[in-house]
Amino acid sequence: MSSCSELLIWDKQLARGANAHVFAWNGQLTLLQQKASEELLSSVERNESHLIHAVCGAGKTELLLPAIFASLQTGKRVCVAAPRTDVILELFPRFQKVFPNTTIHALYGGAPDQYGYAELVLATTHQLYRFEHAFDVVFVDEADAFPYYADETLQRAVTKAAKPLAAIHYVTATPTKTLITTNQSILTRRYHGHNLPVPRLDSLWGYRRQLKKGKIHPKLQAWINKKIETKTPFLIFLPTIEMLENFPGDIPRVHAEHPKRKELVMQLREKKIPGLLTTTILERGVTIENVQVAIVGAEQPIYTSSALIQISGRVGRSAQHPDGDIVFFHHGISREMDKAQDAIEGWNRA
């Protein structure tokens, strides 16, 4: 675009009445969830920013539902934004079931055209460039995720998409200092009450050299073989796309620009494939029952403590499979690895 490009702003309000919305969620919140949900609802009603700081798998999405429904009932337009497409893809079908009579749009790169006026918009933060003063209530999920936390233009896009006096609310397991607000709710337990799986550290000396030769370290190969033999779904995180693409064997692999990323994640969820190789693109917003996780090169700089915590949070999310294996394969233990392990053990003690 250039400064002489013409932009049109559509400001006509076409929202339906409050009676048009239906809340079709029959789940039950735990006492901790209920307390956090009520605190968030109170902040939304007062139009004050709120932070939900909850461990991975605590049921953060469910906490938002009462506040979203209350806002829709009063004729407000609501936006739930997240930096990653995978989060939006995960939320869209869930929200459609909970709000069956509400017009909901899911906006992300490559999304199909959607028509009409949406009272509830799920969008990647990039998609909010297209809105101006459009939303009465804005929730930003995984607000500490890349690229949102590092890109001031994305942060301004979220602010611009909200109406001038609208409060913005944040939800994450690993908040940065800039997200801390006066109003916040902290959940240190998952909804099913079990402890978080604690990462185990295991050396994988010379893994980069072996992968360059087209070989898999015997320890890693044994880990993969065991998961395939027991038909346990798995994710293997690798620090670079080059390492991902050079990984020997026929295990499917995905990264940010992979054209079939959504399809492959769905195939893993439906147990049509045994596992996936991935970059950090799947560190958040992906729930796969009984998935086991290995991080190769956990000492690499890309794996901050926040990233390691989020990746660890993929394991043990369901009540049927609350435990699981999360292993940091490394060529030397980093400070970030220790911080992640300490944080998870601290939550379990709490």
Foldseek 3Di string as FASTA:
>chain_A
DDPPDDDDADDDDDQDALVLWDFQDDDDFDPQLVVQLVLVLVCQVVLAAEEEAEAQLQCQVVSCRVSLSVCVNVVFAEEEEEQALLQLVLVVVVVCNRTVRFAEEEEDVPDDDDDDDGSYYYYYLVVLLNAAQAGQEYEYEPCVDPPNVVDVVSVVSRCRRHHVSGYYYYYDNDDDPVRDDPHYRYHLAHRLRDAQAFAAEDEQAPQVVQLVVQHGGPVVVVVLVVLVVVLAEEEEEEADVVSVVSHDDDAAEDEDPDPCPVVVLVCSLVSVGRYYYYYLSVLDNREHPRYAYEYAACQDPVNALRSLSSNSSNHLSDSVGNYYHYYYHHNDDHPRSVVNSVVSVVSRVD
